[in-house]
PDB file of N, CA and C in Angstrom:
ATOM      1  N   MET A   1     -13.500  16.857  -6.380  1.00  0.00           N
ATOM      2  CA  MET A   1     -13.248  17.777  -6.538  1.00  0.00           C
ATOM      3  C   MET A   1     -12.850  17.812  -8.177  1.00  0.00           C
ATOM      4  N   CYS A   2     -13.575  18.635  -9.558  1.00  0.00           N
ATOM      5  CA  CYS A   2     -11.853  18.290 -10.733  1.00  0.00           C
ATOM      6  C   CYS A   2     -10.916  18.797 -10.813  1.00  0.00           C
ATOM      7  N   GLY A   3     -10.790  18.273 -11.946  1.00  0.00           N
ATOM      8  CA  GLY A   3      -9.373  18.406 -12.246  1.00  0.00           C
ATOM      9  C   GLY A   3      -8.869  18.285 -13.978  1.00  0.00           C
ATOM     10  N   ILE A   4      -8.418  19.070 -14.531  1.00  0.00           N
ATOM     11  CA  ILE A   4      -7.896  19.431 -15.753  1.00  0.00           C
ATOM     12  C   ILE A   4      -6.501  19.733 -15.980  1.00  0.00           C
ATOM     13  N   VAL A   5      -6.209  18.544 -17.006  1.00  0.00           N
ATOM     14  CA  VAL A   5      -4.088  19.084 -17.060  1.00  0.00           C
ATOM     15  C   VAL A   5      -4.370  18.758 -18.397  1.00  0.00           C
ATOM     16  N   GLY A   6      -3.718  19.207 -19.122  1.00  0.00           N
ATOM     17  CA  GLY A   6      -2.976  19.439 -21.218  1.00  0.00           C
ATOM     18  C   GLY A   6      -1.753  19.612 -21.493  1.00  0.00           C
ATOM     19  N   TYR A   7      -1.422  18.762 -22.520  1.00  0.00           N
ATOM     20  CA  TYR A   7      -0.354  18.521 -23.019  1.00  0.00           C
ATOM     21  C   TYR A   7      -0.413  18.752 -24.549  1.00  0.00           C
ATOM     22  N   ALA A   8       0.303  19.849 -24.833  1.00  0.00           N
ATOM     23  CA  ALA A   8       0.860  19.850 -26.924  1.00  0.00           C
ATOM     24  C   ALA A   8       2.483  20.123 -26.369  1.00  0.00           C
ATOM     25  N   GLY A   9       3.252  18.675 -27.018  1.00  0.00           N
ATOM     26  CA  GLY A   9       4.796  19.054 -27.338  1.00  0.00           C
ATOM     27  C   GLY A   9       5.327  17.923 -27.871  1.00  0.00           C
ATOM     28  N   GLY A  10       6.683  17.540 -27.612  1.00  0.00           N
ATOM     29  CA  GLY A  10       7.794  17.167 -28.775  1.00  0.00           C
ATOM     30  C   GLY A  10       7.208  15.513 -27.802  1.00  0.00           C
ATOM     31  N   ARG A  11       7.048  15.063 -26.885  1.00  0.00           N
ATOM     32  CA  ARG A  11       6.447  13.992 -25.931  1.00  0.00           C
ATOM     33  C   ARG A  11       5.719  13.459 -26.257  1.00  0.00           C
ATOM     34  N   PRO A  12       5.261  12.122 -26.390  1.00  0.00           N
ATOM     35  CA  PRO A  12       3.978  11.325 -26.478  1.00  0.00           C
ATOM     36  C   PRO A  12       3.271  12.316 -24.964  1.00  0.00           C
ATOM     37  N   ALA A  13       2.246  12.154 -25.166  1.00  0.00           N
ATOM     38  CA  ALA A  13       1.162  13.256 -24.194  1.00  0.00           C
ATOM     39  C   ALA A  13       0.741  12.165 -23.271  1.00  0.00           C
ATOM     40  N   ALA A  14       0.345  10.557 -23.422  1.00  0.00           N
ATOM     41  CA  ALA A  14      -0.586  10.304 -23.009  1.00  0.00           C
ATOM     42  C   ALA A  14       0.101   9.588 -21.427  1.00  0.00           C
ATOM     43  N   PRO A  15       1.828   9.425 -20.954  1.00  0.00           N
ATOM     44  CA  PRO A  15       2.416   9.363 -20.260  1.00  0.00           C
ATOM     45  C   PRO A  15       2.364  10.835 -19.394  1.00  0.00           C
ATOM     46  N   ILE A  16       2.706  11.792 -20.067  1.00  0.00           N
ATOM     47  CA  ILE A  16       2.480  13.283 -18.942  1.00  0.00           C
ATOM     48  C   ILE A  16       1.239  13.454 -18.638  1.00  0.00           C
ATOM     49  N   ILE A  17       0.699  13.680 -19.587  1.00  0.00           N
ATOM     50  CA  ILE A  17      -1.319  13.696 -19.077  1.00  0.00           C
ATOM     51  C   ILE A  17      -1.184  12.206 -17.801  1.00  0.00           C
ATOM     52  N   LEU A  18      -0.973  11.224 -17.776  1.00  0.00           N
ATOM     53  CA  LEU A  18      -1.182  10.425 -16.467  1.00  0.00           C
ATOM     54  C   LEU A  18      -0.216  10.660 -15.222  1.00  0.00           C
ATOM     55  N   ARG A  19       1.208  10.978 -15.534  1.00  0.00           N
ATOM     56  CA  ARG A  19       1.572  11.073 -14.246  1.00  0.00           C
ATOM     57  C   ARG A  19       0.747  12.877 -13.331  1.00  0.00           C
ATOM     58  N   ALA A  20       0.434  13.804 -15.001  1.00  0.00           N
ATOM     59  CA  ALA A  20      -0.265  15.009 -14.145  1.00  0.00           C
ATOM     60  C   ALA A  20      -1.465  14.783 -13.197  1.00  0.00           C
ATOM     61  N   LEU A  21      -2.229  13.123 -14.042  1.00  0.00           N
ATOM     62  CA  LEU A  21      -3.608  12.973 -12.968  1.00  0.00           C
ATOM     63  C   LEU A  21      -3.275  12.573 -11.996  1.00  0.00           C
ATOM     64  N   HIS A  22      -2.303  11.275 -11.551  1.00  0.00           N
ATOM     65  CA  HIS A  22      -1.278  11.727 -10.091  1.00  0.00           C
ATOM     66  C   HIS A  22      -1.663  12.220  -9.659  1.00  0.00           C
ATOM     67  N   ASP A  23      -1.190  13.168 -10.046  1.00  0.00           N
ATOM     68  CA  ASP A  23      -0.574  14.733  -8.938  1.00  0.00           C
ATOM     69  C   ASP A  23      -2.082  14.886  -8.661  1.00  0.00           C
ATOM     70  N   LEU A  24      -2.941  14.750  -9.204  1.00  0.00           N
ATOM     71  CA  LEU A  24      -4.022  15.825  -8.394  1.00  0.00           C
ATOM     72  C   LEU A  24      -4.956  14.472  -7.944  1.00  0.00           C
ATOM     73  N   GLU A  25      -4.552  13.547  -7.494  1.00  0.00           N
ATOM     74  CA  GLU A  25      -5.422  12.625  -6.684  1.00  0.00           C
ATOM     75  C   GLU A  25      -6.032  12.347  -5.597  1.00  0.00           C
ATOM     76  N   TYR A  26      -4.808  13.762  -4.941  1.00  0.00           N
ATOM     77  CA  TYR A  26      -5.000  13.976  -3.192  1.00  0.00           C
ATOM     78  C   TYR A  26      -7.139  14.818  -3.197  1.00  0.00           C
ATOM     79  N   ARG A  27      -7.434  15.382  -4.480  1.00  0.00           N
ATOM     80  CA  ARG A  27      -8.518  16.337  -3.977  1.00  0.00           C
ATOM     81  C   ARG A  27      -9.494  15.705  -4.484  1.00  0.00           C
ATOM     82  N   GLY A  28      -9.722  14.165  -4.369  1.00  0.00           N
ATOM     83  CA  GLY A  28     -11.074  13.090  -4.529  1.00  0.00           C
ATOM     84  C   GLY A  28     -11.417  13.120  -6.398  1.00  0.00           C
ATOM     85  N   TYR A  29     -11.973  11.872  -5.946  1.00  0.00           N
ATOM     86  CA  TYR A  29     -12.394  11.867  -7.806  1.00  0.00           C
ATOM     87  C   TYR A  29     -13.413  10.627  -7.603  1.00  0.00           C
ATOM     88  N   ASP A  30     -13.778  10.352  -8.948  1.00  0.00           N
ATOM     89  CA  ASP A  30     -14.639   9.753  -8.759  1.00  0.00           C
ATOM     90  C   ASP A  30     -14.812   8.892 -10.372  1.00  0.00           C
ATOM     91  N   SER A  31     -14.148   9.281 -11.615  1.00  0.00           N
ATOM     92  CA  SER A  31     -13.557   8.644 -12.165  1.00  0.00           C
ATOM     93  C   SER A  31     -12.565   9.774 -13.373  1.00  0.00           C
ATOM     94  N   ALA A  32     -11.843   9.340 -13.965  1.00  0.00           N
ATOM     95  CA  ALA A  32     -10.946   9.900 -14.511  1.00  0.00           C
ATOM     96  C   ALA A  32     -10.941   9.266 -16.402  1.00  0.00           C
ATOM     97  N   GLY A  33     -10.566  10.756 -17.212  1.00  0.00           N
ATOM     98  CA  GLY A  33     -10.215  10.348 -18.441  1.00  0.00           C
ATOM     99  C   GLY A  33      -9.714  10.720 -19.627  1.00  0.00           C
ATOM    100  N   ILE A  34      -9.195   9.942 -20.781  1.00  0.00           N
ATOM    101  CA  ILE A  34      -7.753  11.587 -21.039  1.00  0.00           C
ATOM    102  C   ILE A  34      -8.303  11.094 -22.612  1.00  0.00           C
ATOM    103  N   ALA A  35      -8.194  12.422 -23.870  1.00  0.00           N
ATOM    104  CA  ALA A  35      -8.142  12.250 -25.324  1.00  0.00           C
ATOM    105  C   ALA A  35      -6.609  13.139 -25.185  1.00  0.00           C
ATOM    106  N   VAL A  36      -6.420  12.001 -26.663  1.00  0.00           N
ATOM    107  CA  VAL A  36      -5.599  12.744 -27.473  1.00  0.00           C
ATOM    108  C   VAL A  36      -5.547  12.379 -28.945  1.00  0.00           C
ATOM    109  N   LEU A  37      -5.101  13.119 -29.141  1.00  0.00           N
ATOM    110  CA  LEU A  37      -4.911  14.000 -31.294  1.00  0.00           C
ATOM    111  C   LEU A  37      -4.261  12.151 -31.830  1.00  0.00           C
ATOM    112  N   SER A  38      -4.917  11.476 -32.526  1.00  0.00           N
ATOM    113  CA  SER A  38      -3.593  10.994 -32.813  1.00  0.00           C
ATOM    114  C   SER A  38      -3.783  10.935 -33.657  1.00  0.00           C
ATOM    115  N   GLY A  39      -2.861  10.090 -35.163  1.00  0.00           N
ATOM    116  CA  GLY A  39      -2.650  10.200 -36.692  1.00  0.00           C
ATOM    117  C   GLY A  39      -2.165  11.400 -37.148  1.00  0.00           C
ATOM    118  N   SER A  40      -1.939  11.460 -38.472  1.00  0.00           N
ATOM    119  CA  SER A  40      -1.362  12.915 -38.171  1.00  0.00           C
ATOM    120  C   SER A  40      -2.449  13.340 -39.916  1.00  0.00           C
ATOM    121  N   GLY A  41      -2.486  14.430 -40.583  1.00  0.00           N
ATOM    122  CA  GLY A  41      -2.652  14.835 -41.572  1.00  0.00           C
ATOM    123  C   GLY A  41      -4.049  14.463 -41.814  1.00  0.00           C
ATOM    124  N   ASP A  42      -5.319  14.299 -42.899  1.00  0.00           N
ATOM    125  CA  ASP A  42      -6.393  13.604 -42.880  1.00  0.00           C
ATOM    126  C   ASP A  42      -7.430  12.702 -41.958  1.00  0.00           C
ATOM    127  N   GLY A  43      -5.747  11.253 -41.060  1.00  0.00           N
ATOM    128  CA  GLY A  43      -6.047  10.816 -40.633  1.00  0.00           C
ATOM    129  C   GLY A  43      -6.032  10.650 -39.654  1.00  0.00           C
ATOM    130  N   GLN A  44      -6.009  12.208 -38.875  1.00  0.00           N
ATOM    131  CA  GLN A  44      -6.441  12.624 -37.311  1.00  0.00           C
ATOM    132  C   GLN A  44      -7.255  12.102 -36.835  1.00  0.00           C
ATOM    133  N   HIS A  45      -7.544  11.306 -35.851  1.00  0.00           N
ATOM    134  CA  HIS A  45      -9.230  11.508 -34.753  1.00  0.00           C
ATOM    135  C   HIS A  45      -8.121  11.584 -33.231  1.00  0.00           C
ATOM    136  N   LEU A  46      -9.229  11.827 -32.758  1.00  0.00           N
ATOM    137  CA  LEU A  46      -9.887  12.447 -31.415  1.00  0.00           C
ATOM    138  C   LEU A  46      -9.822  10.875 -30.343  1.00  0.00           C
ATOM    139  N   ALA A  47      -8.953   9.928 -30.084  1.00  0.00           N
ATOM    140  CA  ALA A  47      -9.136   8.918 -29.287  1.00  0.00           C
ATOM    141  C   ALA A  47      -9.375   8.938 -27.675  1.00  0.00           C
ATOM    142  N   VAL A  48     -10.965   8.524 -27.019  1.00  0.00           N
ATOM    143  CA  VAL A  48     -11.054   9.005 -26.313  1.00  0.00           C
ATOM    144  C   VAL A  48     -11.316   7.407 -24.727  1.00  0.00           C
ATOM    145  N   THR A  49     -10.269   7.634 -23.935  1.00  0.00           N
ATOM    146  CA  THR A  49     -10.427   6.582 -23.149  1.00  0.00           C
ATOM    147  C   THR A  49     -11.114   7.384 -21.826  1.00  0.00           C
ATOM    148  N   LYS A  50     -12.229   6.631 -21.170  1.00  0.00           N
ATOM    149  CA  LYS A  50     -12.099   7.321 -19.805  1.00  0.00           C
ATOM    150  C   LYS A  50     -12.458   5.274 -18.793  1.00  0.00           C
ATOM    151  N   ARG A  51     -12.709   5.481 -17.355  1.00  0.00           N
ATOM    152  CA  ARG A  51     -13.134   4.418 -16.656  1.00  0.00           C
ATOM    153  C   ARG A  51     -13.319   5.044 -15.119  1.00  0.00           C
ATOM    154  N   GLN A  52     -14.698   4.316 -14.716  1.00  0.00           N
ATOM    155  CA  GLN A  52     -14.480   4.707 -13.647  1.00  0.00           C
ATOM    156  C   GLN A  52     -13.568   4.225 -12.308  1.00  0.00           C
ATOM    157  N   GLY A  53     -13.646   4.490 -11.253  1.00  0.00           N
ATOM    158  CA  GLY A  53     -11.771   4.137 -10.183  1.00  0.00           C
ATOM    159  C   GLY A  53     -10.943   4.998 -10.388  1.00  0.00           C
ATOM    160  N   LYS A  54     -10.606   4.379  -9.975  1.00  0.00           N
ATOM    161  CA  LYS A  54      -9.062   4.640  -9.825  1.00  0.00           C
ATOM    162  C   LYS A  54      -8.261   4.965 -11.436  1.00  0.00           C
ATOM    163  N   ILE A  55      -7.621   6.654 -11.174  1.00  0.00           N
ATOM    164  CA  ILE A  55      -7.027   6.384 -12.547  1.00  0.00           C
ATOM    165  C   ILE A  55      -5.503   5.242 -12.732  1.00  0.00           C
ATOM    166  N   VAL A  56      -5.807   3.908 -11.586  1.00  0.00           N
ATOM    167  CA  VAL A  56      -4.641   2.872 -12.249  1.00  0.00           C
ATOM    168  C   VAL A  56      -5.589   2.107 -13.015  1.00  0.00           C
ATOM    169  N   ASN A  57      -6.962   2.352 -12.957  1.00  0.00           N
ATOM    170  CA  ASN A  57      -8.334   1.712 -14.266  1.00  0.00           C
ATOM    171  C   ASN A  57      -7.772   2.063 -15.492  1.00  0.00           C
ATOM    172  N   LEU A  58      -7.849   3.695 -16.159  1.00  0.00           N
ATOM    173  CA  LEU A  58      -7.279   4.676 -16.729  1.00  0.00           C
ATOM    174  C   LEU A  58      -6.223   3.249 -17.245  1.00  0.00           C
ATOM    175  N   GLU A  59      -4.682   3.437 -16.749  1.00  0.00           N
ATOM    176  CA  GLU A  59      -3.972   4.058 -17.125  1.00  0.00           C
ATOM    177  C   GLU A  59      -4.351   2.022 -17.439  1.00  0.00           C
ATOM    178  N   ALA A  60      -4.955   1.657 -16.963  1.00  0.00           N
ATOM    179  CA  ALA A  60      -5.134  -0.553 -17.348  1.00  0.00           C
ATOM    180  C   ALA A  60      -5.957  -0.323 -19.043  1.00  0.00           C
ATOM    181  N   ALA A  61      -6.741   0.594 -19.016  1.00  0.00           N
ATOM    182  CA  ALA A  61      -7.914   0.223 -20.294  1.00  0.00           C
ATOM    183  C   ALA A  61      -6.577   0.603 -21.368  1.00  0.00           C
ATOM    184  N   LEU A  62      -5.596   1.864 -21.012  1.00  0.00           N
ATOM    185  CA  LEU A  62      -5.083   2.231 -22.227  1.00  0.00           C
ATOM    186  C   LEU A  62      -3.458   1.045 -22.770  1.00  0.00           C
ATOM    187  N   ALA A  63      -3.523   0.594 -21.557  1.00  0.00           N
ATOM    188  CA  ALA A  63      -2.362  -0.328 -22.266  1.00  0.00           C
ATOM    189  C   ALA A  63      -3.578  -1.864 -22.897  1.00  0.00           C
ATOM    190  N   ASP A  64      -4.485  -2.394 -22.035  1.00  0.00           N
ATOM    191  CA  ASP A  64      -4.982  -2.835 -23.048  1.00  0.00           C
ATOM    192  C   ASP A  64      -5.287  -2.444 -24.567  1.00  0.00           C
ATOM    193  N   GLY A  65      -5.812  -1.109 -24.627  1.00  0.00           N
ATOM    194  CA  GLY A  65      -5.910  -0.276 -26.406  1.00  0.00           C
ATOM    195  C   GLY A  65      -4.750  -0.241 -27.272  1.00  0.00           C
ATOM    196  N   GLU A  66      -5.013   0.457 -28.437  1.00  0.00           N
ATOM    197  CA  GLU A  66      -3.898   0.822 -29.098  1.00  0.00           C
ATOM    198  C   GLU A  66      -2.772   1.967 -28.696  1.00  0.00           C
ATOM    199  N   PRO A  67      -1.655   1.256 -28.791  1.00  0.00           N
ATOM    200  CA  PRO A  67      -0.693   2.765 -28.243  1.00  0.00           C
ATOM    201  C   PRO A  67      -1.442   4.226 -28.970  1.00  0.00           C
ATOM    202  N   LEU A  68      -0.925   5.037 -27.440  1.00  0.00           N
ATOM    203  CA  LEU A  68      -1.017   6.083 -27.865  1.00  0.00           C
ATOM    204  C   LEU A  68       0.404   7.323 -28.417  1.00  0.00           C
ATOM    205  N   ASP A  69       0.643   7.183 -29.329  1.00  0.00           N
ATOM    206  CA  ASP A  69       1.577   8.100 -29.198  1.00  0.00           C
ATOM    207  C   ASP A  69       1.515   9.629 -29.938  1.00  0.00           C
ATOM    208  N   ALA A  70       0.465  10.128 -29.467  1.00  0.00           N
ATOM    209  CA  ALA A  70      -0.005  11.493 -30.471  1.00  0.00           C
ATOM    210  C   ALA A  70       0.906  12.849 -28.762  1.00  0.00           C
ATOM    211  N   THR A  71       0.609  13.543 -29.055  1.00  0.00           N
ATOM    212  CA  THR A  71       1.559  14.768 -28.004  1.00  0.00           C
ATOM    213  C   THR A  71       1.279  15.708 -28.361  1.00  0.00           C
ATOM    214  N   THR A  72      -0.371  15.443 -28.461  1.00  0.00           N
ATOM    215  CA  THR A  72      -1.223  16.505 -27.859  1.00  0.00           C
ATOM    216  C   THR A  72      -2.274  15.866 -27.724  1.00  0.00           C
ATOM    217  N   GLY A  73      -2.875  16.153 -26.166  1.00  0.00           N
ATOM    218  CA  GLY A  73      -4.059  15.288 -25.314  1.00  0.00           C
ATOM    219  C   GLY A  73      -4.286  16.066 -24.201  1.00  0.00           C
ATOM    220  N   MET A  74      -5.253  15.979 -23.588  1.00  0.00           N
ATOM    221  CA  MET A  74      -5.485  16.418 -22.486  1.00  0.00           C
ATOM    222  C   MET A  74      -6.285  15.317 -21.233  1.00  0.00           C
ATOM    223  N   GLY A  75      -6.545  15.271 -20.206  1.00  0.00           N
ATOM    224  CA  GLY A  75      -7.337  14.444 -19.166  1.00  0.00           C
ATOM    225  C   GLY A  75      -7.831  14.780 -18.347  1.00  0.00           C
ATOM    226  N   HIS A  76      -8.882  14.367 -17.277  1.00  0.00           N
ATOM    227  CA  HIS A  76      -9.916  15.232 -16.410  1.00  0.00           C
ATOM    228  C   HIS A  76      -9.342  13.780 -15.218  1.00  0.00           C
ATOM    229  N   THR A  77     -10.139  14.622 -14.409  1.00  0.00           N
ATOM    230  CA  THR A  77     -10.865  13.554 -12.910  1.00  0.00           C
ATOM    231  C   THR A  77     -12.303  14.395 -12.518  1.00  0.00           C
ATOM    232  N   ARG A  78     -12.994  14.333 -11.961  1.00  0.00           N
ATOM    233  CA  ARG A  78     -14.413  13.918 -11.384  1.00  0.00           C
ATOM    234  C   ARG A  78     -14.437  13.532 -10.154  1.00  0.00           C
TER     235      ARG A  78
END
């Protein structure tokens, strides 16, 4: 079953979204992803990371990538 979470606020969005995705794990899923709005002004871009399997796979991919300091984003499981 799918789950979608979002966050817009003053703190870094990625850790909050990942924690919420962990809360949705009981629903069953086969993949997860996160998208955050990074940068500012004309340099804004959507940073998307997605992985098959457990949310720990997504967390590992995020740890290996660029730091996500965005304060707006959303995540999903499916």
